Amino acid sequence: MPIPAPRVAMAGVAQKISGFISTTTFGTIEAAERTMTRVRRVHDRIGGVAGERTYRAGDPDLLTWVHIAEISSFLDSYQRFAPSPLSPAEADLYVAQTARAAQGIGVPDPPRSVAALDERLTAYRPVLEAGPDARDVRDFLRNPSQLNSVGVAGYSLLYRGAIATLPPYAARLLGLPTAGPRHAADLRLGAAGVAMVRWMLSDPLIQTDRRADRRGSRES
């Protein structure tokens, strides 16, 4: 069965975001700078309508929200699922280091500590809403039609763990379950899914492929 066009578009965007993160994390400074310049140019061309409002992808306010939501989610998931969580000082350093790439795509004043990150997230809460596009993404992530049955089994562990990490206000906006009897079980399933991915990535053949990808990022 062919994948619906909107879902193809979502998958493509997710792949591009993954490439941006990979390049700005593992690539050379030159490759990261080129990638950030390319992202800014793309953002300058993208706009749309949400509800009764127009928006631009390059709007600094929107870019700030995307950045802080992303970094908060990454950090929270790492602290929950990593074998060795970061110390408070290491977590602050991580947030500070991500500010460079954020500035490179137009975020005017990215937070540089966990406390500043949490403060910024709280400031956005009164204006958050989950419109049709947000619900479409929710449904896309809940039912990944592009995966086979084996892939769905592994993905479901990661999905349930990811949903369990959502702050209650975000889960309510998206019509997803908040913390309850299944919450702890879903976190354990998520941890199992992450452990499975970690084991897969430790395979020597996969490590060789990843090194080749990193070389490509440095040269692109």
Protein backbone atom coordinates (compact mmCIF):
# COMPACT_ATOMS: atom_id res chain seq x y z
CA MET A 1 0.00 0.00 0.00
CA PRO A 2 1.47 3.41 -0.94
CA ILE A 3 2.17 5.87 1.86
CA PRO A 4 -0.14 8.95 1.74
CA ALA A 5 1.58 12.06 0.40
CA PRO A 6 1.37 14.06 3.68
CA ARG A 7 3.09 11.21 5.49
CA VAL A 8 5.82 11.07 2.86
CA ALA A 9 6.36 14.78 3.45
CA MET A 10 6.53 14.28 7.23
CA ALA A 11 9.04 11.47 6.85
CA GLY A 12 11.14 13.66 4.57
CA VAL A 13 11.13 16.54 7.04
CA ALA A 14 12.09 14.19 9.88
CA GLN A 15 14.98 12.85 7.80
CA LYS A 16 16.23 16.37 7.04
CA ILE A 17 16.06 17.36 10.71
CA SER A 18 17.99 14.22 11.60
CA GLY A 19 20.62 15.15 9.02
CA PHE A 20 20.89 18.67 10.45
CA ILE A 21 21.41 17.34 13.97
CA SER A 22 23.96 14.79 12.78
CA THR A 23 25.96 17.35 10.83
CA THR A 24 25.97 20.02 13.53
CA THR A 25 26.92 17.39 16.14
CA PHE A 26 29.49 15.23 14.34
CA GLY A 27 30.48 17.20 11.25
CA THR A 28 33.23 19.73 10.82
CA ILE A 29 32.66 23.39 11.63
CA GLU A 30 32.66 24.13 7.90
CA ALA A 31 30.03 21.47 7.17
CA ALA A 32 27.88 22.67 10.07
CA GLU A 33 28.10 26.28 8.88
CA ARG A 34 27.05 25.29 5.36
CA THR A 35 24.13 23.31 6.73
CA MET A 36 22.96 26.17 8.94
CA THR A 37 23.14 28.60 6.02
CA ARG A 38 21.11 26.21 3.87
CA VAL A 39 18.46 25.84 6.61
CA ARG A 40 18.13 29.62 6.97
CA ARG A 41 17.60 29.99 3.22
CA VAL A 42 14.93 27.29 3.21
CA HIS A 43 13.17 28.86 6.19
CA ASP A 44 13.08 32.21 4.39
CA ARG A 45 10.96 30.63 1.64
CA ILE A 46 8.50 28.75 3.85
CA GLY A 47 5.31 30.14 5.33
CA GLY A 48 1.71 29.15 5.80
CA VAL A 49 -1.55 29.59 7.66
CA ALA A 50 -2.40 28.05 11.03
CA GLY A 51 -5.98 28.69 12.04
CA GLU A 52 -6.56 32.36 11.25
CA ARG A 53 -2.90 33.36 11.51
CA THR A 54 -0.10 33.39 9.01
CA TYR A 55 3.37 32.25 9.97
CA ARG A 56 6.91 32.11 8.63
CA ALA A 57 9.29 29.25 9.28
CA GLY A 58 12.03 31.77 9.97
CA ASP A 59 10.06 33.58 12.69
CA PRO A 60 12.51 33.86 15.63
CA ASP A 61 9.72 33.15 18.13
CA LEU A 62 8.76 29.90 16.38
CA LEU A 63 12.39 28.89 15.94
CA THR A 64 12.98 29.43 19.65
CA TRP A 65 10.04 27.19 20.54
CA VAL A 66 11.21 24.42 18.23
CA HIS A 67 14.72 24.62 19.68
CA ILE A 68 13.77 24.56 23.34
CA ALA A 69 11.15 21.83 22.87
CA GLU A 70 13.67 19.70 20.99
CA ILE A 71 16.54 20.15 23.45
CA SER A 72 14.31 19.63 26.48
CA SER A 73 12.97 16.40 24.97
CA PHE A 74 16.44 15.13 24.05
CA LEU A 75 17.80 15.87 27.49
CA ASP A 76 14.83 14.39 29.35
CA SER A 77 14.95 11.20 27.28
CA TYR A 78 18.69 10.84 27.79
CA GLN A 79 18.36 11.29 31.54
CA ARG A 80 15.63 8.64 31.67
CA PHE A 81 17.05 6.04 29.30
CA ALA A 82 20.84 6.42 29.23
CA PRO A 83 23.00 3.97 31.23
CA SER A 84 24.77 6.93 32.88
CA PRO A 85 22.67 10.11 33.12
CA LEU A 86 24.40 13.48 32.92
CA SER A 87 25.36 15.36 36.06
CA PRO A 88 23.71 18.78 36.56
CA ALA A 89 26.88 20.48 35.32
CA GLU A 90 27.03 18.22 32.25
CA ALA A 91 23.36 18.88 31.49
CA ASP A 92 23.99 22.63 31.65
CA LEU A 93 26.97 22.20 29.32
CA TYR A 94 24.85 20.25 26.85
CA VAL A 95 22.21 23.00 26.75
CA ALA A 96 24.92 25.64 26.32
CA GLN A 97 26.58 23.73 23.48
CA THR A 98 23.32 23.40 21.54
CA ALA A 99 22.98 27.19 21.55
CA ARG A 100 25.57 27.55 18.77
CA ALA A 101 23.57 25.61 16.19
CA ALA A 102 20.37 27.32 17.34
CA GLN A 103 21.88 30.74 16.77
CA GLY A 104 23.12 29.57 13.38
CA ILE A 105 19.56 29.06 12.12
CA GLY A 106 18.11 32.23 13.63
CA VAL A 107 17.24 31.60 17.29
CA PRO A 108 18.08 35.00 18.80
CA ASP A 109 18.85 34.13 22.43
CA PRO A 110 18.90 30.38 23.09
CA PRO A 111 19.07 29.26 26.73
CA ARG A 112 22.44 28.14 28.04
CA SER A 113 21.47 26.25 31.19
CA VAL A 114 18.78 23.78 32.24
CA ALA A 115 17.20 26.40 34.50
CA ALA A 116 17.00 28.90 31.63
CA LEU A 117 15.62 26.18 29.35
CA ASP A 118 12.86 25.30 31.83
CA GLU A 119 12.04 28.98 32.34
CA ARG A 120 11.67 29.54 28.61
CA LEU A 121 9.44 26.48 28.22
CA THR A 122 7.17 27.72 30.99
CA ALA A 123 6.87 31.11 29.29
CA TYR A 124 5.52 29.48 26.11
CA ARG A 125 2.86 27.34 27.78
CA PRO A 126 0.01 29.91 27.72
CA VAL A 127 0.19 30.23 23.92
CA LEU A 128 0.53 26.54 23.01
CA GLU A 129 -2.23 24.77 21.12
CA ALA A 130 -2.59 21.56 19.16
CA GLY A 131 -4.17 22.26 15.80
CA PRO A 132 -4.90 19.90 12.91
CA ASP A 133 -1.25 19.77 11.81
CA ALA A 134 -0.10 18.77 15.30
CA ARG A 135 -2.74 16.04 15.42
CA ASP A 136 -1.67 14.82 11.98
CA VAL A 137 1.91 14.46 13.23
CA ARG A 138 0.63 12.68 16.34
CA ASP A 139 -1.27 10.19 14.18
CA PHE A 140 1.71 9.75 11.86
CA LEU A 141 3.94 8.85 14.79
CA ARG A 142 1.32 6.59 16.34
CA ASN A 143 0.75 4.58 13.15
CA PRO A 144 3.96 4.45 11.07
CA SER A 145 2.55 2.80 7.94
CA GLN A 146 5.98 2.73 6.27
CA LEU A 147 7.25 0.03 8.68
CA ASN A 148 6.88 -3.72 8.30
CA SER A 149 5.56 -5.90 11.13
CA VAL A 150 9.03 -6.48 12.60
CA GLY A 151 9.81 -2.77 12.52
CA VAL A 152 6.47 -1.90 14.11
CA ALA A 153 7.18 -4.22 17.04
CA GLY A 154 10.44 -2.45 17.85
CA TYR A 155 9.07 1.00 17.08
CA SER A 156 6.13 0.53 19.43
CA LEU A 157 8.53 0.22 22.37
CA LEU A 158 10.18 3.52 21.47
CA TYR A 159 6.84 5.21 20.80
CA ARG A 160 5.30 4.20 24.12
CA GLY A 161 8.42 5.26 25.98
CA ALA A 162 8.48 8.60 24.16
CA ILE A 163 4.82 9.34 24.93
CA ALA A 164 5.45 8.52 28.60
CA THR A 165 8.12 11.24 28.73
CA LEU A 166 5.74 13.98 27.59
CA PRO A 167 4.92 16.60 30.22
CA PRO A 168 1.26 16.28 31.27
CA TYR A 169 0.29 19.62 29.67
CA ALA A 170 1.70 18.49 26.30
CA ALA A 171 -0.02 15.10 26.51
CA ARG A 172 -3.35 16.77 27.27
CA LEU A 173 -2.99 19.17 24.33
CA LEU A 174 -2.42 16.24 21.99
CA GLY A 175 -5.19 14.08 23.46
CA LEU A 176 -2.70 11.51 24.72
CA PRO A 177 -2.74 9.69 28.07
CA THR A 178 -1.09 11.44 30.98
CA ALA A 179 0.71 9.71 33.84
CA GLY A 180 -1.32 6.79 35.13
CA PRO A 181 -1.07 3.09 35.93
CA ARG A 182 0.62 2.36 32.58
CA HIS A 183 3.11 5.22 32.85
CA ALA A 184 5.88 3.30 34.64
CA ALA A 185 5.35 0.27 32.40
CA ASP A 186 5.61 2.41 29.26
CA LEU A 187 8.84 3.97 30.52
CA ARG A 188 10.26 0.46 31.04
CA LEU A 189 9.21 -0.50 27.51
CA GLY A 190 10.89 2.64 26.22
CA ALA A 191 14.07 1.76 28.08
CA ALA A 192 13.96 -1.71 26.52
CA GLY A 193 13.54 -0.20 23.07
CA VAL A 194 16.46 2.18 23.56
CA ALA A 195 18.61 -0.67 24.86
CA MET A 196 17.77 -2.65 21.72
CA VAL A 197 18.81 0.27 19.49
CA ARG A 198 22.00 0.71 21.51
CA TRP A 199 22.82 -2.97 21.06
CA MET A 200 22.16 -2.76 17.31
CA LEU A 201 24.41 0.30 16.96
CA SER A 202 27.22 -1.55 18.72
CA ASP A 203 27.39 -3.99 15.80
CA PRO A 204 30.82 -3.55 14.11
CA LEU A 205 29.28 -3.38 10.63
CA ILE A 206 26.88 -0.63 11.69
CA GLN A 207 29.70 1.26 13.38
CA THR A 208 31.64 1.14 10.11
CA ASP A 209 28.63 2.56 8.25
CA ARG A 210 28.26 5.33 10.84
CA ARG A 211 31.92 6.31 10.48
CA ALA A 212 31.42 6.50 6.72
CA ASP A 213 28.34 8.70 7.23
CA ARG A 214 30.34 11.02 9.48
CA ARG A 215 33.08 11.30 6.89
CA GLY A 216 30.43 12.20 4.35
CA SER A 217 29.05 14.88 6.68
CA ARG A 218 32.50 16.42 7.05
CA GLU A 219 33.03 16.48 3.30
CA SER A 220 29.56 17.73 2.30
